[in-house]
Amino acid sequence: MLAVFLLAWTVLEMVNHGGGTIPLGIAGFIAPCLTRFFGPAGPHEPGQLPRGRVPAYNLVHRPIGPVLVLVVVPFLPGDGPGANVGLFTFGLAWLLHIAADRALGHGLRTADGRQR
């Protein structure tokens, strides 16, 4: 249910503000998965993440990061109330990614790269 709410809110922000919020919203949703490709690779089985990539993956798949973005961004200086809406939308999309992963049964990884 949370994922549906976050999806609706993210899309609403992108439609209402347009411009840079659209690519930032898409980037916020996709960016957490990029940690699967960056970091030291090593031997691993199918479905298992290499050990060197697990810390970065787990870091960006914890909700504290996007929640901090959503709390801090409205207080950043800017010209008018919509000045930092793109960063806010990025945080929403990032949180949406985490909620969708959890809803689909994908969570954090163990130290050896397996699903918890």
N, C-alpha and C. Protein backbone atom coordinates (compact mmCIF):
# COMPACT_ATOMS: atom_id res chain seq x y z
N MET A 1 0.81 -1.18 0.00
CA MET A 1 0.00 0.00 0.00
C MET A 1 0.87 1.26 0.00
N LEU A 2 1.96 1.21 0.77
CA LEU A 2 2.88 2.34 0.81
C LEU A 2 3.48 2.61 -0.56
N ALA A 3 3.82 1.55 -1.28
CA ALA A 3 4.41 1.71 -2.60
C ALA A 3 3.43 2.40 -3.56
N VAL A 4 2.17 2.07 -3.46
CA VAL A 4 1.15 2.69 -4.32
C VAL A 4 1.03 4.18 -4.00
N PHE A 5 1.01 4.51 -2.71
CA PHE A 5 0.94 5.90 -2.29
C PHE A 5 2.15 6.68 -2.79
N LEU A 6 3.35 6.12 -2.62
CA LEU A 6 4.57 6.80 -3.06
C LEU A 6 4.61 6.94 -4.58
N LEU A 7 4.12 5.93 -5.29
CA LEU A 7 4.06 6.02 -6.75
C LEU A 7 3.14 7.17 -7.17
N ALA A 8 1.97 7.25 -6.56
CA ALA A 8 1.02 8.32 -6.90
C ALA A 8 1.61 9.69 -6.59
N TRP A 9 2.28 9.83 -5.44
CA TRP A 9 2.85 11.10 -5.04
C TRP A 9 4.00 11.50 -5.97
N THR A 10 4.84 10.54 -6.32
CA THR A 10 5.96 10.82 -7.22
C THR A 10 5.45 11.26 -8.60
N VAL A 11 4.49 10.54 -9.13
CA VAL A 11 3.93 10.89 -10.43
C VAL A 11 3.25 12.26 -10.36
N LEU A 12 2.54 12.53 -9.27
CA LEU A 12 1.89 13.82 -9.09
C LEU A 12 2.92 14.96 -9.11
N GLU A 13 4.02 14.79 -8.40
CA GLU A 13 5.08 15.81 -8.39
C GLU A 13 5.67 16.01 -9.79
N MET A 14 5.88 14.92 -10.51
CA MET A 14 6.47 15.02 -11.84
C MET A 14 5.50 15.70 -12.81
N VAL A 15 4.21 15.40 -12.71
CA VAL A 15 3.22 16.00 -13.60
C VAL A 15 3.00 17.47 -13.25
N ASN A 16 2.89 17.78 -11.97
CA ASN A 16 2.64 19.16 -11.55
C ASN A 16 3.78 20.11 -11.87
N HIS A 17 5.02 19.62 -11.73
CA HIS A 17 6.17 20.52 -11.87
C HIS A 17 6.91 20.35 -13.19
N GLY A 18 6.76 19.20 -13.83
CA GLY A 18 7.39 18.97 -15.14
C GLY A 18 8.88 19.26 -15.13
N GLY A 19 9.41 19.62 -16.28
CA GLY A 19 10.82 19.99 -16.43
C GLY A 19 11.78 18.98 -15.85
N GLY A 20 12.65 19.45 -14.96
CA GLY A 20 13.70 18.62 -14.40
C GLY A 20 13.23 17.59 -13.39
N THR A 21 11.97 17.72 -12.94
CA THR A 21 11.50 16.74 -11.97
C THR A 21 11.30 15.36 -12.60
N ILE A 22 11.01 15.34 -13.88
CA ILE A 22 10.77 14.06 -14.55
C ILE A 22 12.04 13.22 -14.62
N PRO A 23 13.16 13.74 -15.16
CA PRO A 23 14.37 12.90 -15.17
C PRO A 23 14.89 12.62 -13.76
N LEU A 24 14.72 13.58 -12.83
CA LEU A 24 15.17 13.32 -11.46
C LEU A 24 14.32 12.25 -10.78
N GLY A 25 13.03 12.23 -11.07
CA GLY A 25 12.17 11.18 -10.52
C GLY A 25 12.54 9.81 -11.07
N ILE A 26 12.80 9.75 -12.35
CA ILE A 26 13.21 8.48 -12.97
C ILE A 26 14.56 8.04 -12.42
N ALA A 27 15.48 8.99 -12.29
CA ALA A 27 16.82 8.68 -11.76
C ALA A 27 16.73 8.19 -10.31
N GLY A 28 15.86 8.81 -9.52
CA GLY A 28 15.70 8.38 -8.14
C GLY A 28 15.17 6.97 -8.02
N PHE A 29 14.36 6.57 -8.97
CA PHE A 29 13.82 5.21 -8.95
C PHE A 29 14.86 4.18 -9.42
N ILE A 30 15.69 4.56 -10.39
CA ILE A 30 16.65 3.62 -10.99
C ILE A 30 17.97 3.57 -10.23
N ALA A 31 18.41 4.69 -9.70
CA ALA A 31 19.76 4.80 -9.11
C ALA A 31 20.09 3.74 -8.06
N PRO A 32 19.20 3.37 -7.14
CA PRO A 32 19.59 2.36 -6.15
C PRO A 32 20.02 1.03 -6.76
N CYS A 33 19.49 0.68 -7.92
CA CYS A 33 19.86 -0.59 -8.55
C CYS A 33 21.25 -0.54 -9.18
N LEU A 34 21.75 0.65 -9.43
CA LEU A 34 23.06 0.77 -10.06
C LEU A 34 24.17 0.25 -9.15
N THR A 35 23.91 0.16 -7.85
CA THR A 35 24.94 -0.37 -6.94
C THR A 35 25.23 -1.84 -7.22
N ARG A 36 24.36 -2.50 -7.94
CA ARG A 36 24.62 -3.90 -8.33
C ARG A 36 25.79 -4.01 -9.31
N PHE A 37 26.10 -2.90 -9.99
CA PHE A 37 27.12 -2.93 -11.03
C PHE A 37 28.42 -2.25 -10.64
N PHE A 38 28.44 -1.54 -9.50
CA PHE A 38 29.64 -0.81 -9.10
C PHE A 38 30.22 -1.40 -7.83
N GLY A 39 31.51 -1.50 -7.79
CA GLY A 39 32.21 -2.06 -6.65
C GLY A 39 32.97 -3.29 -7.07
N PRO A 40 33.77 -3.79 -6.16
CA PRO A 40 34.57 -4.97 -6.50
C PRO A 40 33.69 -6.18 -6.80
N ALA A 41 33.98 -6.81 -7.90
CA ALA A 41 33.27 -8.04 -8.26
C ALA A 41 34.03 -9.22 -7.69
N GLY A 42 33.39 -10.30 -7.65
CA GLY A 42 34.01 -11.52 -7.16
C GLY A 42 33.15 -12.71 -7.52
N PRO A 43 33.56 -13.87 -7.09
CA PRO A 43 32.77 -15.06 -7.41
C PRO A 43 31.42 -14.99 -6.69
N HIS A 44 30.38 -15.36 -7.43
CA HIS A 44 29.05 -15.39 -6.85
C HIS A 44 28.16 -16.29 -7.68
N GLU A 45 27.11 -16.77 -7.05
CA GLU A 45 26.14 -17.63 -7.72
C GLU A 45 25.03 -16.77 -8.32
N PRO A 46 24.23 -17.34 -9.23
CA PRO A 46 23.09 -16.57 -9.76
C PRO A 46 22.17 -16.11 -8.63
N GLY A 47 21.76 -14.85 -8.67
CA GLY A 47 20.91 -14.29 -7.64
C GLY A 47 21.65 -13.79 -6.42
N GLN A 48 22.93 -14.02 -6.40
CA GLN A 48 23.76 -13.58 -5.28
C GLN A 48 24.58 -12.37 -5.73
N LEU A 49 24.70 -11.39 -4.87
CA LEU A 49 25.48 -10.19 -5.15
C LEU A 49 26.92 -10.42 -4.70
N PRO A 50 27.92 -10.00 -5.49
CA PRO A 50 29.30 -10.15 -5.03
C PRO A 50 29.51 -9.44 -3.69
N ARG A 51 30.31 -10.03 -2.83
CA ARG A 51 30.51 -9.49 -1.47
C ARG A 51 30.93 -8.03 -1.45
N GLY A 52 31.75 -7.62 -2.41
CA GLY A 52 32.24 -6.25 -2.44
C GLY A 52 31.16 -5.22 -2.75
N ARG A 53 30.06 -5.65 -3.31
CA ARG A 53 28.97 -4.73 -3.68
C ARG A 53 27.87 -4.66 -2.63
N VAL A 54 27.89 -5.56 -1.68
CA VAL A 54 26.83 -5.63 -0.67
C VAL A 54 26.74 -4.38 0.20
N PRO A 55 27.85 -3.83 0.72
CA PRO A 55 27.70 -2.64 1.58
C PRO A 55 27.03 -1.46 0.88
N ALA A 56 27.41 -1.16 -0.34
CA ALA A 56 26.79 -0.05 -1.07
C ALA A 56 25.32 -0.36 -1.37
N TYR A 57 25.03 -1.58 -1.76
CA TYR A 57 23.65 -1.98 -2.05
C TYR A 57 22.78 -1.80 -0.81
N ASN A 58 23.24 -2.31 0.33
CA ASN A 58 22.46 -2.21 1.56
C ASN A 58 22.32 -0.76 2.01
N LEU A 59 23.34 0.05 1.81
CA LEU A 59 23.28 1.45 2.22
C LEU A 59 22.18 2.20 1.48
N VAL A 60 22.10 2.04 0.16
CA VAL A 60 21.09 2.79 -0.60
C VAL A 60 19.72 2.13 -0.58
N HIS A 61 19.61 0.95 0.01
CA HIS A 61 18.31 0.30 0.12
C HIS A 61 17.76 0.38 1.55
N ARG A 62 18.27 1.30 2.33
CA ARG A 62 17.71 1.61 3.65
C ARG A 62 16.93 2.90 3.52
N PRO A 63 15.77 3.02 4.15
CA PRO A 63 14.93 4.20 3.95
C PRO A 63 15.45 5.48 4.60
N ILE A 64 16.45 5.41 5.44
CA ILE A 64 16.93 6.61 6.13
C ILE A 64 17.47 7.65 5.13
N GLY A 65 18.13 7.23 4.07
CA GLY A 65 18.67 8.17 3.08
C GLY A 65 17.60 9.01 2.42
N PRO A 66 16.61 8.39 1.79
CA PRO A 66 15.58 9.20 1.14
C PRO A 66 14.72 9.98 2.14
N VAL A 67 14.51 9.44 3.33
CA VAL A 67 13.73 10.19 4.33
C VAL A 67 14.48 11.46 4.72
N LEU A 68 15.79 11.37 4.88
CA LEU A 68 16.59 12.57 5.17
C LEU A 68 16.49 13.58 4.03
N VAL A 69 16.52 13.09 2.80
CA VAL A 69 16.37 13.99 1.65
C VAL A 69 15.02 14.70 1.73
N LEU A 70 13.96 13.97 2.01
CA LEU A 70 12.62 14.56 2.06
C LEU A 70 12.46 15.56 3.20
N VAL A 71 13.21 15.36 4.28
CA VAL A 71 13.13 16.28 5.42
C VAL A 71 13.98 17.52 5.19
N VAL A 72 15.17 17.36 4.61
CA VAL A 72 16.12 18.46 4.47
C VAL A 72 15.83 19.36 3.27
N VAL A 73 15.46 18.78 2.15
CA VAL A 73 15.30 19.55 0.91
C VAL A 73 14.33 20.73 1.02
N PRO A 74 13.19 20.61 1.69
CA PRO A 74 12.30 21.78 1.78
C PRO A 74 12.93 22.99 2.49
N PHE A 75 13.97 22.76 3.28
CA PHE A 75 14.61 23.84 4.01
C PHE A 75 15.84 24.41 3.30
N LEU A 76 16.19 23.86 2.15
CA LEU A 76 17.32 24.38 1.39
C LEU A 76 16.96 25.73 0.79
N PRO A 77 17.94 26.64 0.70
CA PRO A 77 17.64 27.94 0.12
C PRO A 77 17.34 27.82 -1.37
N GLY A 78 16.49 28.70 -1.85
CA GLY A 78 16.14 28.70 -3.26
C GLY A 78 15.19 29.83 -3.57
N ASP A 79 14.92 30.03 -4.82
CA ASP A 79 14.02 31.09 -5.26
C ASP A 79 12.59 30.59 -5.30
N GLY A 80 11.88 30.76 -4.23
CA GLY A 80 10.48 30.37 -4.19
C GLY A 80 10.27 28.98 -3.62
N PRO A 81 9.01 28.64 -3.38
CA PRO A 81 8.70 27.36 -2.74
C PRO A 81 8.99 26.13 -3.61
N GLY A 82 9.04 26.28 -4.92
CA GLY A 82 9.28 25.13 -5.80
C GLY A 82 10.71 25.01 -6.27
N ALA A 83 11.63 25.69 -5.60
CA ALA A 83 13.02 25.75 -6.08
C ALA A 83 13.71 24.39 -6.06
N ASN A 84 13.44 23.59 -5.08
CA ASN A 84 14.15 22.32 -4.92
C ASN A 84 13.23 21.12 -5.12
N VAL A 85 12.17 21.31 -5.88
CA VAL A 85 11.19 20.25 -6.06
C VAL A 85 11.79 19.05 -6.80
N GLY A 86 12.77 19.27 -7.65
CA GLY A 86 13.42 18.16 -8.35
C GLY A 86 14.13 17.23 -7.39
N LEU A 87 14.85 17.80 -6.42
CA LEU A 87 15.53 16.97 -5.42
C LEU A 87 14.53 16.26 -4.53
N PHE A 88 13.44 16.93 -4.21
CA PHE A 88 12.38 16.32 -3.42
C PHE A 88 11.79 15.12 -4.16
N THR A 89 11.55 15.29 -5.45
CA THR A 89 11.01 14.21 -6.27
C THR A 89 12.00 13.06 -6.37
N PHE A 90 13.30 13.36 -6.45
CA PHE A 90 14.33 12.32 -6.43
C PHE A 90 14.21 11.50 -5.15
N GLY A 91 14.08 12.17 -4.01
CA GLY A 91 13.93 11.46 -2.73
C GLY A 91 12.68 10.61 -2.68
N LEU A 92 11.57 11.14 -3.20
CA LEU A 92 10.32 10.36 -3.24
C LEU A 92 10.49 9.10 -4.08
N ALA A 93 11.10 9.26 -5.25
CA ALA A 93 11.29 8.11 -6.15
C ALA A 93 12.23 7.09 -5.54
N TRP A 94 13.24 7.56 -4.84
CA TRP A 94 14.18 6.66 -4.16
C TRP A 94 13.43 5.85 -3.09
N LEU A 95 12.61 6.53 -2.30
CA LEU A 95 11.83 5.84 -1.29
C LEU A 95 10.83 4.89 -1.94
N LEU A 96 10.26 5.28 -3.07
CA LEU A 96 9.36 4.41 -3.83
C LEU A 96 10.09 3.13 -4.24
N HIS A 97 11.32 3.27 -4.72
CA HIS A 97 12.11 2.10 -5.12
C HIS A 97 12.25 1.12 -3.94
N ILE A 98 12.60 1.66 -2.78
CA ILE A 98 12.79 0.81 -1.60
C ILE A 98 11.48 0.13 -1.21
N ALA A 99 10.38 0.89 -1.20
CA ALA A 99 9.08 0.32 -0.84
C ALA A 99 8.64 -0.74 -1.84
N ALA A 100 8.88 -0.50 -3.13
CA ALA A 100 8.51 -1.48 -4.16
C ALA A 100 9.34 -2.75 -4.00
N ASP A 101 10.63 -2.59 -3.74
CA ASP A 101 11.48 -3.76 -3.50
C ASP A 101 10.96 -4.59 -2.34
N ARG A 102 10.62 -3.93 -1.24
CA ARG A 102 10.13 -4.65 -0.07
C ARG A 102 8.80 -5.33 -0.39
N ALA A 103 7.92 -4.64 -1.12
CA ALA A 103 6.61 -5.21 -1.47
C ALA A 103 6.76 -6.44 -2.35
N LEU A 104 7.80 -6.46 -3.17
CA LEU A 104 8.04 -7.60 -4.07
C LEU A 104 8.90 -8.69 -3.42
N GLY A 105 9.27 -8.50 -2.15
CA GLY A 105 10.03 -9.52 -1.44
C GLY A 105 11.53 -9.38 -1.54
N HIS A 106 12.01 -8.28 -2.08
CA HIS A 106 13.45 -8.04 -2.17
C HIS A 106 13.85 -7.13 -1.03
N GLY A 107 14.75 -7.60 -0.22
CA GLY A 107 15.18 -6.78 0.91
C GLY A 107 16.67 -6.55 0.87
N LEU A 108 17.23 -6.32 2.03
CA LEU A 108 18.66 -6.13 2.15
C LEU A 108 19.37 -7.46 1.91
N ARG A 109 20.65 -7.39 1.70
CA ARG A 109 21.45 -8.59 1.44
C ARG A 109 22.28 -8.96 2.66
N THR A 110 22.55 -10.25 2.81
CA THR A 110 23.46 -10.70 3.86
C THR A 110 24.88 -10.38 3.42
N ALA A 111 25.82 -10.56 4.33
CA ALA A 111 27.22 -10.23 4.02
C ALA A 111 27.75 -11.01 2.83
N ASP A 112 27.22 -12.21 2.58
CA ASP A 112 27.71 -13.00 1.44
C ASP A 112 26.91 -12.71 0.16
N GLY A 113 25.98 -11.73 0.20
CA GLY A 113 25.28 -11.29 -0.99
C GLY A 113 23.95 -11.97 -1.28
N ARG A 114 23.49 -12.79 -0.38
CA ARG A 114 22.20 -13.47 -0.59
C ARG A 114 21.06 -12.62 -0.04
N GLN A 115 19.84 -12.87 -0.54
CA GLN A 115 18.65 -12.19 0.00
C GLN A 115 18.43 -12.60 1.43
N ARG A 116 18.01 -11.66 2.26
CA ARG A 116 17.69 -11.99 3.66
C ARG A 116 16.32 -12.61 3.73
